[in-house]
Amino acid sequence: MRELRQAQERLETALAAGDLEAARAAGRALTARCSELGDAGGALAHAGRLADLGLQAAATVHELRQPLAGIKAIAQLVAGSADDAGLVIERAGAIERYAEMMEALCDRLRAYARAEPIGRGAGEVNAAVRAALDLLKQLLREPPVAVETDLAAPLPPVGLDTVGVQQIVVNLVRNARDAIGERPGHVRIATHAAEQAVEVTVSDDGPGVPAEIRERLFTPFASGKPTGSGLGLWLSRRLAAEAGGSLELLPAEGAAGGATFRLRLPLARGT
């Protein structure tokens, strides 16, 4: 138990200092130690919860990077268009949307720390897809990635709020962009109603997911990218599962490569 307490203290220190790398390492160590010891009562349960909170904190930092990058890019554009009031207003609105997303991400972390329900509500899937693509506009521009959308309408609201759906779609599209690499590519996003659910598929024409990564693709810190955090897909599946849904990588079809992820979310209560 002494080792467990020490691991817990290291995680608490890292979280308090905002040290992402140290929190990731301490979270892994604490999770592994809890697994070795098995369920020994409340102390282990609390330690496991704290380890999970460390992962959630690391994932939140990961998610915040995209809107921060967007705000930085737009601020630079605003500086170059100070004489065009219309452009300044438009870009100020985009900064406000990014800030609202960051605020929502921080609210999720706080709710998780308090063991409160996360992301419950009536989410609009097509609105989330459009917001995600707006957020990733600059990332998809260079090298150019053609984005094809096939959004069924109207769609009933789902049991995960719009920001949560947007978070998942951002992760899937960003991963697709990274998989395509430094060349022009193609991403397709489709939505449709299913039995008591709404489904979203995100496909790309990249090289596909290597076989050695498929089995652990949705576990924390699993990544096929040299600089990837390995937290985006883990967090995305978790958000879907907490709403009663699922996120999966579909089997590869043929030898053409590429990857397709399918998000399935149940309808909002009372729908």
Protein backbone atom coordinates (compact mmCIF):
# COMPACT_ATOMS: atom_id res chain seq x y z
CA MET A 1 0.00 0.00 0.00
CA ARG A 2 2.98 2.29 0.59
CA GLU A 3 3.90 2.12 -3.11
CA LEU A 4 0.31 2.88 -3.98
CA ARG A 5 0.26 5.97 -1.77
CA GLN A 6 3.53 7.17 -3.31
CA ALA A 7 2.16 6.70 -6.83
CA GLN A 8 -0.99 8.57 -5.83
CA GLU A 9 1.05 11.44 -4.39
CA ARG A 10 3.11 11.68 -7.59
CA LEU A 11 -0.08 11.94 -9.63
CA GLU A 12 -1.57 14.58 -7.32
CA THR A 13 1.65 16.62 -7.54
CA ALA A 14 1.74 16.41 -11.33
CA LEU A 15 -1.92 17.42 -11.66
CA ALA A 16 -1.45 20.34 -9.29
CA ALA A 17 1.56 21.51 -11.31
CA GLY A 18 -0.21 21.04 -14.64
CA ASP A 19 2.62 18.77 -15.82
CA LEU A 20 0.98 16.66 -18.55
CA GLU A 21 3.89 14.30 -19.16
CA ALA A 22 4.39 13.60 -15.46
CA ALA A 23 0.62 13.10 -14.99
CA ARG A 24 0.54 10.60 -17.83
CA ALA A 25 3.46 8.65 -16.40
CA ALA A 26 2.08 8.71 -12.85
CA GLY A 27 -1.40 7.75 -14.08
CA ARG A 28 -0.01 4.75 -15.92
CA ALA A 29 2.01 3.65 -12.90
CA LEU A 30 -0.93 4.04 -10.53
CA THR A 31 -3.30 2.18 -12.83
CA ALA A 32 -0.80 -0.66 -13.22
CA ARG A 33 -0.24 -0.89 -9.46
CA CYS A 34 -3.98 -0.98 -8.78
CA SER A 35 -4.33 -3.82 -11.27
CA GLU A 36 -1.54 -5.75 -9.57
CA LEU A 37 -3.09 -5.40 -6.13
CA GLY A 38 -6.68 -6.08 -7.16
CA ASP A 39 -9.70 -4.59 -5.40
CA ALA A 40 -8.72 -4.05 -1.78
CA GLY A 41 -11.54 -1.72 -0.82
CA GLY A 42 -12.14 2.01 -0.78
CA ALA A 43 -8.50 3.09 -0.87
CA LEU A 44 -7.88 1.29 -4.13
CA ALA A 45 -11.14 2.50 -5.59
CA HIS A 46 -10.20 6.08 -4.76
CA ALA A 47 -6.69 5.62 -6.17
CA GLY A 48 -8.11 4.14 -9.35
CA ARG A 49 -10.51 7.05 -9.65
CA LEU A 50 -7.62 9.47 -9.22
CA ALA A 51 -5.61 7.66 -11.87
CA ASP A 52 -8.59 7.91 -14.18
CA LEU A 53 -8.89 11.59 -13.39
CA GLY A 54 -5.26 11.98 -14.40
CA LEU A 55 -6.05 10.45 -17.77
CA GLN A 56 -9.09 12.70 -18.11
CA ALA A 57 -6.98 15.75 -17.30
CA ALA A 58 -4.36 14.73 -19.84
CA ALA A 59 -7.11 14.15 -22.41
CA THR A 60 -8.59 17.60 -21.72
CA VAL A 61 -5.21 19.22 -22.34
CA HIS A 62 -5.05 17.24 -25.60
CA GLU A 63 -8.51 18.48 -26.63
CA LEU A 64 -7.73 22.10 -25.77
CA ARG A 65 -4.85 22.25 -28.22
CA GLN A 66 -7.10 22.45 -31.30
CA PRO A 67 -9.24 25.45 -30.29
CA LEU A 68 -6.12 27.19 -28.96
CA ALA A 69 -4.42 26.70 -32.31
CA GLY A 70 -7.55 28.06 -34.00
CA ILE A 71 -7.61 31.15 -31.81
CA LYS A 72 -3.93 31.79 -32.50
CA ALA A 73 -4.40 31.47 -36.27
CA ILE A 74 -7.46 33.73 -36.31
CA ALA A 75 -5.75 36.35 -34.14
CA GLN A 76 -2.94 36.49 -36.72
CA LEU A 77 -5.50 36.89 -39.52
CA VAL A 78 -7.31 39.65 -37.63
CA ALA A 79 -4.04 41.54 -37.24
CA GLY A 80 -3.73 41.55 -41.02
CA SER A 81 -7.29 42.66 -41.72
CA ALA A 82 -7.78 45.46 -39.23
CA ASP A 83 -9.14 47.75 -41.96
CA ASP A 84 -11.94 45.34 -42.89
CA ALA A 85 -14.61 45.60 -40.19
CA GLY A 86 -16.67 42.75 -41.63
CA LEU A 87 -13.76 40.29 -41.51
CA VAL A 88 -12.82 41.39 -38.00
CA ILE A 89 -16.39 40.77 -36.78
CA GLU A 90 -16.52 37.36 -38.49
CA ARG A 91 -13.21 36.26 -37.01
CA ALA A 92 -14.09 37.61 -33.58
CA GLY A 93 -17.17 35.39 -33.72
CA ALA A 94 -14.98 32.38 -34.51
CA ILE A 95 -12.73 33.18 -31.53
CA GLU A 96 -15.83 33.34 -29.32
CA ARG A 97 -16.95 29.87 -30.55
CA TYR A 98 -13.52 28.42 -29.83
CA ALA A 99 -13.55 29.96 -26.36
CA GLU A 100 -16.99 28.45 -25.67
CA MET A 101 -15.69 25.02 -26.69
CA MET A 102 -12.70 25.38 -24.35
CA GLU A 103 -15.02 26.42 -21.53
CA ALA A 104 -17.19 23.34 -22.17
CA LEU A 105 -14.12 21.07 -22.08
CA CYS A 106 -13.06 22.50 -18.73
CA ASP A 107 -16.62 22.07 -17.41
CA ARG A 108 -16.46 18.40 -18.41
CA LEU A 109 -13.26 17.86 -16.46
CA ARG A 110 -14.75 19.53 -13.39
CA ALA A 111 -17.89 17.40 -13.67
CA TYR A 112 -15.80 14.25 -13.99
CA ALA A 113 -13.78 15.15 -10.90
CA ARG A 114 -17.07 15.51 -8.99
CA ALA A 115 -18.42 12.20 -10.37
CA GLU A 116 -21.26 14.06 -12.08
CA PRO A 117 -22.89 12.93 -15.36
CA ILE A 118 -20.96 14.22 -18.36
CA GLY A 119 -22.44 15.48 -21.59
CA ARG A 120 -26.02 14.34 -21.03
CA GLY A 121 -28.49 16.25 -23.12
CA ALA A 122 -30.06 16.59 -26.53
CA GLY A 123 -27.29 16.94 -29.08
CA GLU A 124 -27.68 17.94 -32.72
CA VAL A 125 -25.38 15.69 -34.75
CA ASN A 126 -25.33 17.61 -38.03
CA ALA A 127 -24.67 20.89 -36.20
CA ALA A 128 -21.79 19.20 -34.39
CA VAL A 129 -20.30 17.96 -37.67
CA ARG A 130 -20.47 21.43 -39.21
CA ALA A 131 -18.93 23.03 -36.11
CA ALA A 132 -16.11 20.45 -36.11
CA LEU A 133 -15.30 21.15 -39.76
CA ASP A 134 -15.32 24.88 -39.07
CA LEU A 135 -12.88 24.33 -36.23
CA LEU A 136 -10.57 22.25 -38.46
CA LYS A 137 -10.80 24.50 -41.52
CA GLN A 138 -7.18 25.62 -41.40
CA LEU A 139 -5.84 22.13 -40.68
CA LEU A 140 -7.63 20.73 -43.74
CA ARG A 141 -6.40 23.49 -46.02
CA GLU A 142 -2.67 22.72 -46.27
CA PRO A 143 -2.06 20.27 -47.87
CA PRO A 144 -5.63 20.36 -49.19
CA VAL A 145 -7.98 17.66 -48.00
CA ALA A 146 -11.32 17.43 -49.80
CA VAL A 147 -14.12 16.87 -47.31
CA GLU A 148 -17.30 15.26 -48.60
CA THR A 149 -20.35 15.37 -46.36
CA ASP A 150 -23.55 13.39 -46.66
CA LEU A 151 -25.69 14.61 -43.78
CA ALA A 152 -29.16 13.15 -43.55
CA ALA A 153 -31.85 15.59 -42.46
CA PRO A 154 -33.78 15.93 -40.37
CA LEU A 155 -32.13 13.88 -37.62
CA PRO A 156 -33.53 13.44 -34.11
CA PRO A 157 -31.46 14.72 -31.17
CA VAL A 158 -29.10 12.26 -29.47
CA GLY A 159 -28.28 11.57 -25.83
CA LEU A 160 -24.89 13.33 -25.92
CA ASP A 161 -24.73 17.11 -26.04
CA THR A 162 -23.65 18.88 -29.22
CA VAL A 163 -20.23 19.83 -27.82
CA GLY A 164 -19.57 16.19 -26.95
CA VAL A 165 -20.49 15.03 -30.45
CA GLN A 166 -18.33 17.80 -31.89
CA GLN A 167 -15.41 16.64 -29.74
CA ILE A 168 -15.64 13.13 -31.12
CA VAL A 169 -15.95 14.29 -34.73
CA VAL A 170 -12.97 16.65 -34.31
CA ASN A 171 -10.85 13.76 -33.09
CA LEU A 172 -11.92 11.46 -35.91
CA VAL A 173 -11.37 14.05 -38.65
CA ARG A 174 -8.06 15.18 -37.18
CA ASN A 175 -6.87 11.56 -37.05
CA ALA A 176 -7.99 11.09 -40.66
CA ARG A 177 -6.00 14.20 -41.65
CA ASP A 178 -2.91 12.90 -39.87
CA ALA A 179 -3.28 9.48 -41.50
CA ILE A 180 -3.38 11.03 -44.98
CA GLY A 181 -0.05 12.71 -44.32
CA GLU A 182 1.64 15.45 -46.30
CA ARG A 183 -0.34 14.98 -49.48
CA PRO A 184 -3.78 15.97 -50.76
CA GLY A 185 -6.45 13.53 -49.62
CA HIS A 186 -10.11 12.85 -49.15
CA VAL A 187 -12.31 12.53 -46.05
CA ARG A 188 -15.97 11.56 -46.12
CA ILE A 189 -18.42 12.18 -43.27
CA ALA A 190 -21.92 10.74 -43.37
CA THR A 191 -24.79 10.81 -40.89
CA HIS A 192 -28.00 8.82 -40.91
CA ALA A 193 -30.78 7.66 -38.63
CA ALA A 194 -30.65 4.07 -37.38
CA GLU A 195 -32.97 2.11 -35.09
CA GLN A 196 -33.34 4.29 -31.97
CA ALA A 197 -29.99 5.88 -32.77
CA VAL A 198 -28.03 8.18 -35.06
CA GLU A 199 -24.83 7.01 -36.73
CA VAL A 200 -21.86 9.01 -37.97
CA THR A 201 -19.14 7.51 -40.18
CA VAL A 202 -15.80 9.17 -40.90
CA SER A 203 -13.70 7.64 -43.69
CA ASP A 204 -10.32 8.60 -45.16
CA ASP A 205 -8.08 7.48 -48.01
CA GLY A 206 -4.96 7.14 -45.89
CA PRO A 207 -2.92 3.94 -45.45
CA GLY A 208 -5.30 2.44 -42.88
CA VAL A 209 -4.66 1.40 -39.27
CA PRO A 210 -1.72 -1.00 -38.82
CA ALA A 211 -2.73 -4.46 -37.60
CA GLU A 212 -0.46 -4.22 -34.56
CA ILE A 213 -2.33 -1.13 -33.31
CA ARG A 214 -5.93 -2.20 -34.02
CA GLU A 215 -6.31 -4.29 -30.86
CA ARG A 216 -5.26 -1.47 -28.54
CA LEU A 217 -6.45 1.47 -30.61
CA PHE A 218 -8.93 2.73 -28.00
CA THR A 219 -6.69 2.29 -24.95
CA PRO A 220 -4.93 5.28 -23.32
CA PHE A 221 -1.62 6.30 -24.92
CA ALA A 222 -2.00 3.96 -27.91
CA SER A 223 -1.04 5.88 -31.03
CA GLY A 224 0.36 5.12 -34.45
CA LYS A 225 1.69 8.69 -34.72
CA PRO A 226 5.22 9.53 -33.49
CA THR A 227 3.94 12.69 -31.76
CA GLY A 228 0.44 11.44 -30.92
CA SER A 229 -0.81 11.49 -27.34
CA GLY A 230 -2.91 8.35 -27.78
CA LEU A 231 -5.79 9.95 -25.87
CA GLY A 232 -8.17 11.23 -28.55
CA LEU A 233 -9.78 7.92 -29.47
CA TRP A 234 -9.83 6.75 -25.86
CA LEU A 235 -11.69 9.90 -24.81
CA SER A 236 -14.02 9.74 -27.84
CA ARG A 237 -15.08 6.16 -27.12
CA ARG A 238 -15.55 7.04 -23.46
CA LEU A 239 -17.83 9.96 -24.31
CA ALA A 240 -19.88 7.75 -26.60
CA ALA A 241 -20.11 4.95 -24.02
CA GLU A 242 -21.20 7.29 -21.22
CA ALA A 243 -24.11 8.34 -23.43
CA GLY A 244 -24.99 4.70 -24.09
CA GLY A 245 -23.41 4.67 -27.53
CA SER A 246 -20.37 3.17 -29.21
CA LEU A 247 -17.37 4.05 -31.35
CA GLU A 248 -15.61 1.44 -33.47
CA LEU A 249 -13.14 1.00 -36.28
CA LEU A 250 -14.85 -0.89 -39.08
CA PRO A 251 -13.05 -3.79 -40.78
CA ALA A 252 -10.92 -2.79 -43.74
CA GLU A 253 -12.50 -3.43 -47.12
CA GLY A 254 -10.32 -4.55 -50.02
CA ALA A 255 -6.73 -3.47 -50.62
CA ALA A 256 -7.45 0.21 -51.20
CA GLY A 257 -6.43 1.20 -47.67
CA GLY A 258 -8.08 3.91 -45.65
CA ALA A 259 -9.98 3.69 -42.39
CA THR A 260 -13.62 4.10 -41.41
CA PHE A 261 -14.84 4.83 -37.90
CA ARG A 262 -18.48 4.53 -36.92
CA LEU A 263 -20.02 6.48 -34.06
CA ARG A 264 -23.45 5.34 -32.87
CA LEU A 265 -25.41 7.41 -30.36
CA PRO A 266 -28.82 6.62 -28.89
CA LEU A 267 -31.63 9.09 -29.22
CA ALA A 268 -32.18 11.63 -26.47
CA ARG A 269 -34.71 10.68 -23.82
CA GLY A 270 -38.25 11.50 -24.76
CA THR A 271 -37.48 11.47 -28.50
